[in-house]
């Protein structure tokens, strides 16, 4: 599971790699559940037929999905990852899954604990080519008691027991998990995929295309 990642804050990278115009507030670089990061989605107005509407938009949102029925935003601290095996039925995520509220979460790196020494050592994981990751996620919009709309998102995860790299992290007794890192060519397909087609995107990223390093200072 991923509870800590480095967001993409370079506006030129967001424009070039994700083909979307970043908002004025691009949030923090070091992100934990409940922090404000960025999500990329297909604009809801795109289906109107207006050619001026872009294919993708970048929105600020909270890391951790707040379903419409949540009473407050504390729920974000426990909804930052959605298991692929239960995302369609778990109350926190099932509405976003059913409505195919897909998003892409831009990340320069993720962090996972390496327990092989007997204690947790935060370890940085990034793409081998240095390009940012596009992590598959779901988004939601939550209306506060004051009438303010707040966007939020969660990262989709899959089993990684057989992944040569990602099975090295977390405690030995824990199930191994990894986030879904999308191929760049699949970004638009993911954003428009129906719930029936969504599962085909939930596959492991090739281990040889990832590299590890020490925690960023």
Protein backbone atom coordinates (compact mmCIF):
# COMPACT_ATOMS: atom_id res chain seq x y z
CA UNK A 1 0.00 0.00 0.00
CA UNK A 2 1.20 3.52 -0.70
CA UNK A 3 0.62 6.21 1.92
CA UNK A 4 3.51 8.50 0.93
CA UNK A 5 4.51 9.84 -2.45
CA UNK A 6 6.23 12.75 -4.14
CA UNK A 7 3.90 14.80 -6.29
CA UNK A 8 4.80 16.45 -9.58
CA UNK A 9 5.08 20.21 -9.04
CA UNK A 10 6.90 21.23 -12.22
CA UNK A 11 4.25 22.88 -14.38
CA UNK A 12 6.19 22.20 -17.57
CA UNK A 13 6.32 18.49 -16.74
CA UNK A 14 2.59 18.46 -16.12
CA UNK A 15 1.96 20.12 -19.46
CA UNK A 16 4.41 17.97 -21.44
CA UNK A 17 4.01 14.55 -19.82
CA UNK A 18 0.34 14.71 -18.86
CA UNK A 19 -0.89 17.14 -21.53
CA UNK A 20 -2.95 19.16 -19.10
CA UNK A 21 -2.86 22.71 -17.79
CA UNK A 22 -1.97 22.79 -14.07
CA UNK A 23 -3.97 24.86 -11.59
CA UNK A 24 -2.51 27.86 -9.78
CA UNK A 25 -2.23 25.84 -6.55
CA UNK A 26 -0.26 22.68 -7.24
CA UNK A 27 -0.02 21.57 -3.63
CA UNK A 28 2.85 20.02 -1.72
CA UNK A 29 5.66 17.88 -3.07
CA UNK A 30 5.70 15.52 -0.08
CA UNK A 31 2.25 13.96 0.17
CA UNK A 32 0.55 11.90 2.88
CA UNK A 33 -3.14 11.00 3.39
CA UNK A 34 -5.23 14.12 3.89
CA UNK A 35 -2.72 16.40 2.11
CA UNK A 36 -3.68 18.28 -1.03
CA UNK A 37 -2.19 16.92 -4.24
CA UNK A 38 -3.25 16.80 -7.87
CA UNK A 39 -5.54 14.56 -9.89
CA UNK A 40 -6.00 14.43 -13.65
CA UNK A 41 -9.37 13.53 -15.11
CA UNK A 42 -11.44 13.90 -18.25
CA UNK A 43 -13.47 17.13 -17.96
CA UNK A 44 -17.13 16.45 -17.31
CA UNK A 45 -17.99 19.03 -19.99
CA UNK A 46 -16.12 17.00 -22.61
CA UNK A 47 -19.27 15.06 -23.49
CA UNK A 48 -21.07 18.30 -24.40
CA UNK A 49 -19.44 18.34 -27.81
CA UNK A 50 -17.60 21.61 -27.20
CA UNK A 51 -14.28 21.36 -29.05
CA UNK A 52 -12.80 24.02 -26.76
CA UNK A 53 -12.92 21.64 -23.79
CA UNK A 54 -9.52 19.90 -23.34
CA UNK A 55 -9.10 16.13 -23.20
CA UNK A 56 -7.70 16.30 -19.66
CA UNK A 57 -7.84 18.66 -16.72
CA UNK A 58 -5.76 18.91 -13.55
CA UNK A 59 -7.53 19.59 -10.27
CA UNK A 60 -6.32 19.99 -6.69
CA UNK A 61 -7.67 17.27 -4.43
CA UNK A 62 -7.14 15.54 -1.12
CA UNK A 63 -5.10 12.33 -1.03
CA UNK A 64 -7.69 9.92 0.35
CA UNK A 65 -11.14 9.57 -1.16
CA UNK A 66 -14.09 11.22 0.60
CA UNK A 67 -17.33 9.57 -0.59
CA UNK A 68 -20.41 11.76 -0.86
CA UNK A 69 -21.88 10.30 2.34
CA UNK A 70 -18.87 11.07 4.56
CA UNK A 71 -19.62 13.31 7.55
CA UNK A 72 -16.18 14.94 7.48
CA UNK A 73 -12.80 14.71 5.76
CA UNK A 74 -11.12 12.60 8.44
CA UNK A 75 -12.07 9.59 6.31
CA UNK A 76 -9.29 10.56 3.87
CA UNK A 77 -6.73 9.22 6.33
CA UNK A 78 -7.92 5.66 5.67
CA UNK A 79 -9.13 5.76 2.04
CA UNK A 80 -5.90 6.65 0.23
CA UNK A 81 -5.63 3.18 -1.39
CA UNK A 82 -8.39 1.09 -2.97
CA UNK A 83 -7.84 -2.64 -3.33
CA UNK A 84 -8.71 -3.87 -6.81
CA UNK A 85 -10.29 -6.99 -5.35
CA UNK A 86 -12.87 -5.07 -3.28
CA UNK A 87 -13.13 -1.64 -4.94
CA UNK A 88 -16.46 -2.50 -6.57
CA UNK A 89 -18.13 -3.45 -3.29
CA UNK A 90 -16.46 -1.47 -0.49
CA UNK A 91 -18.76 1.42 0.52
CA UNK A 92 -15.99 4.02 0.42
CA UNK A 93 -15.18 3.33 -3.23
CA UNK A 94 -18.06 1.53 -4.94
CA UNK A 95 -19.89 4.66 -6.15
CA UNK A 96 -16.75 6.11 -7.75
CA UNK A 97 -16.01 2.72 -9.33
CA UNK A 98 -19.55 2.22 -10.59
CA UNK A 99 -19.58 5.70 -12.14
CA UNK A 100 -16.08 5.15 -13.63
CA UNK A 101 -14.75 8.30 -11.98
CA UNK A 102 -11.24 7.50 -13.14
CA UNK A 103 -8.28 9.77 -12.62
CA UNK A 104 -4.52 9.78 -13.02
CA UNK A 105 -2.34 10.78 -10.08
CA UNK A 106 0.96 12.36 -11.18
CA UNK A 107 3.85 11.19 -9.00
CA UNK A 108 7.59 11.58 -9.32
CA UNK A 109 8.17 8.77 -6.84
CA UNK A 110 6.44 6.62 -4.24
CA UNK A 111 7.82 5.48 -0.89
CA UNK A 112 7.48 2.04 0.66
CA UNK A 113 8.99 0.55 3.86
CA UNK A 114 11.76 -2.01 3.40
CA UNK A 115 11.69 -4.40 6.40
CA UNK A 116 14.45 -6.80 5.30
CA UNK A 117 16.85 -5.37 7.91
CA UNK A 118 14.29 -5.93 10.68
CA UNK A 119 13.12 -2.34 10.82
CA UNK A 120 11.23 -0.12 8.41
CA UNK A 121 13.50 1.85 6.08
CA UNK A 122 11.58 4.30 3.85
CA UNK A 123 12.61 3.57 0.29
CA UNK A 124 12.11 5.75 -2.77
CA UNK A 125 10.78 4.03 -5.89
CA UNK A 126 10.62 5.75 -9.26
CA UNK A 127 10.66 5.02 -12.95
CA UNK A 128 14.01 3.93 -14.32
CA UNK A 129 13.85 6.59 -17.06
CA UNK A 130 13.18 9.41 -14.61
CA UNK A 131 9.80 10.23 -16.12
CA UNK A 132 6.88 10.80 -13.74
CA UNK A 133 4.46 8.02 -12.93
CA UNK A 134 0.79 8.21 -13.84
CA UNK A 135 -0.95 6.21 -11.11
CA UNK A 136 -4.46 4.90 -11.75
CA UNK A 137 -6.99 6.28 -9.30
CA UNK A 138 -10.59 7.16 -8.57
CA UNK A 139 -11.88 10.63 -7.72
CA UNK A 140 -14.86 11.92 -5.83
CA UNK A 141 -16.51 15.25 -5.00
CA UNK A 142 -17.69 15.87 -1.43
CA UNK A 143 -19.94 18.74 -0.36
CA UNK A 144 -19.09 20.28 2.99
CA UNK A 145 -21.77 21.45 5.46
CA UNK A 146 -20.90 24.99 4.31
CA UNK A 147 -21.71 24.08 0.71
CA UNK A 148 -18.12 23.93 -0.54
CA UNK A 149 -17.17 21.19 -3.01
CA UNK A 150 -13.94 19.31 -2.22
CA UNK A 151 -12.31 16.90 -4.67
CA UNK A 152 -10.40 13.87 -3.43
CA UNK A 153 -8.77 10.75 -4.84
CA UNK A 154 -7.48 7.27 -4.07
CA UNK A 155 -4.78 5.10 -5.67
CA UNK A 156 -5.77 1.68 -6.98
CA UNK A 157 -3.62 -1.21 -5.76
CA UNK A 158 -3.09 -4.82 -6.83
CA UNK A 159 -1.42 -7.88 -5.33
CA UNK A 160 2.37 -7.86 -5.73
CA UNK A 161 3.36 -11.20 -4.16
CA UNK A 162 4.94 -12.28 -7.45
CA UNK A 163 6.45 -8.92 -8.42
CA UNK A 164 10.27 -9.22 -8.20
CA UNK A 165 10.69 -5.67 -6.91
CA UNK A 166 7.52 -4.70 -5.06
CA UNK A 167 7.35 -7.95 -3.09
CA UNK A 168 10.41 -6.78 -1.13
CA UNK A 169 8.49 -4.15 0.81
CA UNK A 170 6.30 -4.11 3.94
CA UNK A 171 6.51 -6.59 6.79
CA UNK A 172 7.28 -10.24 5.90
CA UNK A 173 3.88 -11.29 7.25
CA UNK A 174 1.96 -8.69 5.23
CA UNK A 175 0.44 -9.21 1.81
CA UNK A 176 2.54 -7.47 -0.83
CA UNK A 177 0.73 -4.70 -2.70
CA UNK A 178 1.60 -2.13 -5.35
CA UNK A 179 -0.10 0.83 -6.97
CA UNK A 180 -1.19 0.61 -10.60
CA UNK A 181 1.26 2.59 -12.75
CA UNK A 182 -0.29 3.22 -16.16
CA UNK A 183 1.63 3.16 -19.45
CA UNK A 184 1.56 6.66 -20.91
CA UNK A 185 -0.18 5.37 -24.05
CA UNK A 186 -3.08 4.18 -21.90
CA UNK A 187 -3.82 7.46 -20.12
CA UNK A 188 -6.78 8.53 -22.25
CA UNK A 189 -8.16 4.99 -22.45
CA UNK A 190 -8.15 4.74 -18.66
CA UNK A 191 -9.93 8.06 -18.25
CA UNK A 192 -12.84 6.96 -20.46
CA UNK A 193 -12.95 3.24 -19.60
CA UNK A 194 -16.26 1.80 -18.44
CA UNK A 195 -16.46 -0.18 -15.19
CA UNK A 196 -16.65 -3.35 -17.27
CA UNK A 197 -13.31 -2.55 -18.95
CA UNK A 198 -11.53 -1.09 -15.94
CA UNK A 199 -10.03 -4.36 -14.72
CA UNK A 200 -7.87 -4.72 -17.83
CA UNK A 201 -5.79 -1.72 -16.72
CA UNK A 202 -5.06 -3.12 -13.27
CA UNK A 203 -1.80 -4.90 -14.10
CA UNK A 204 1.73 -4.73 -12.64
CA UNK A 205 4.28 -2.27 -14.00
CA UNK A 206 7.37 -4.04 -15.36
CA UNK A 207 9.99 -4.36 -12.57
CA UNK A 208 12.87 -3.55 -14.91
CA UNK A 209 11.28 -0.15 -15.55
CA UNK A 210 11.48 0.82 -11.87
CA UNK A 211 14.44 1.65 -9.65
CA UNK A 212 14.92 2.17 -5.92
CA UNK A 213 16.96 4.61 -3.88
CA UNK A 214 17.17 6.11 -0.42
CA UNK A 215 14.58 8.45 1.05
CA UNK A 216 14.64 11.94 -0.43
CA UNK A 217 16.10 14.61 1.87
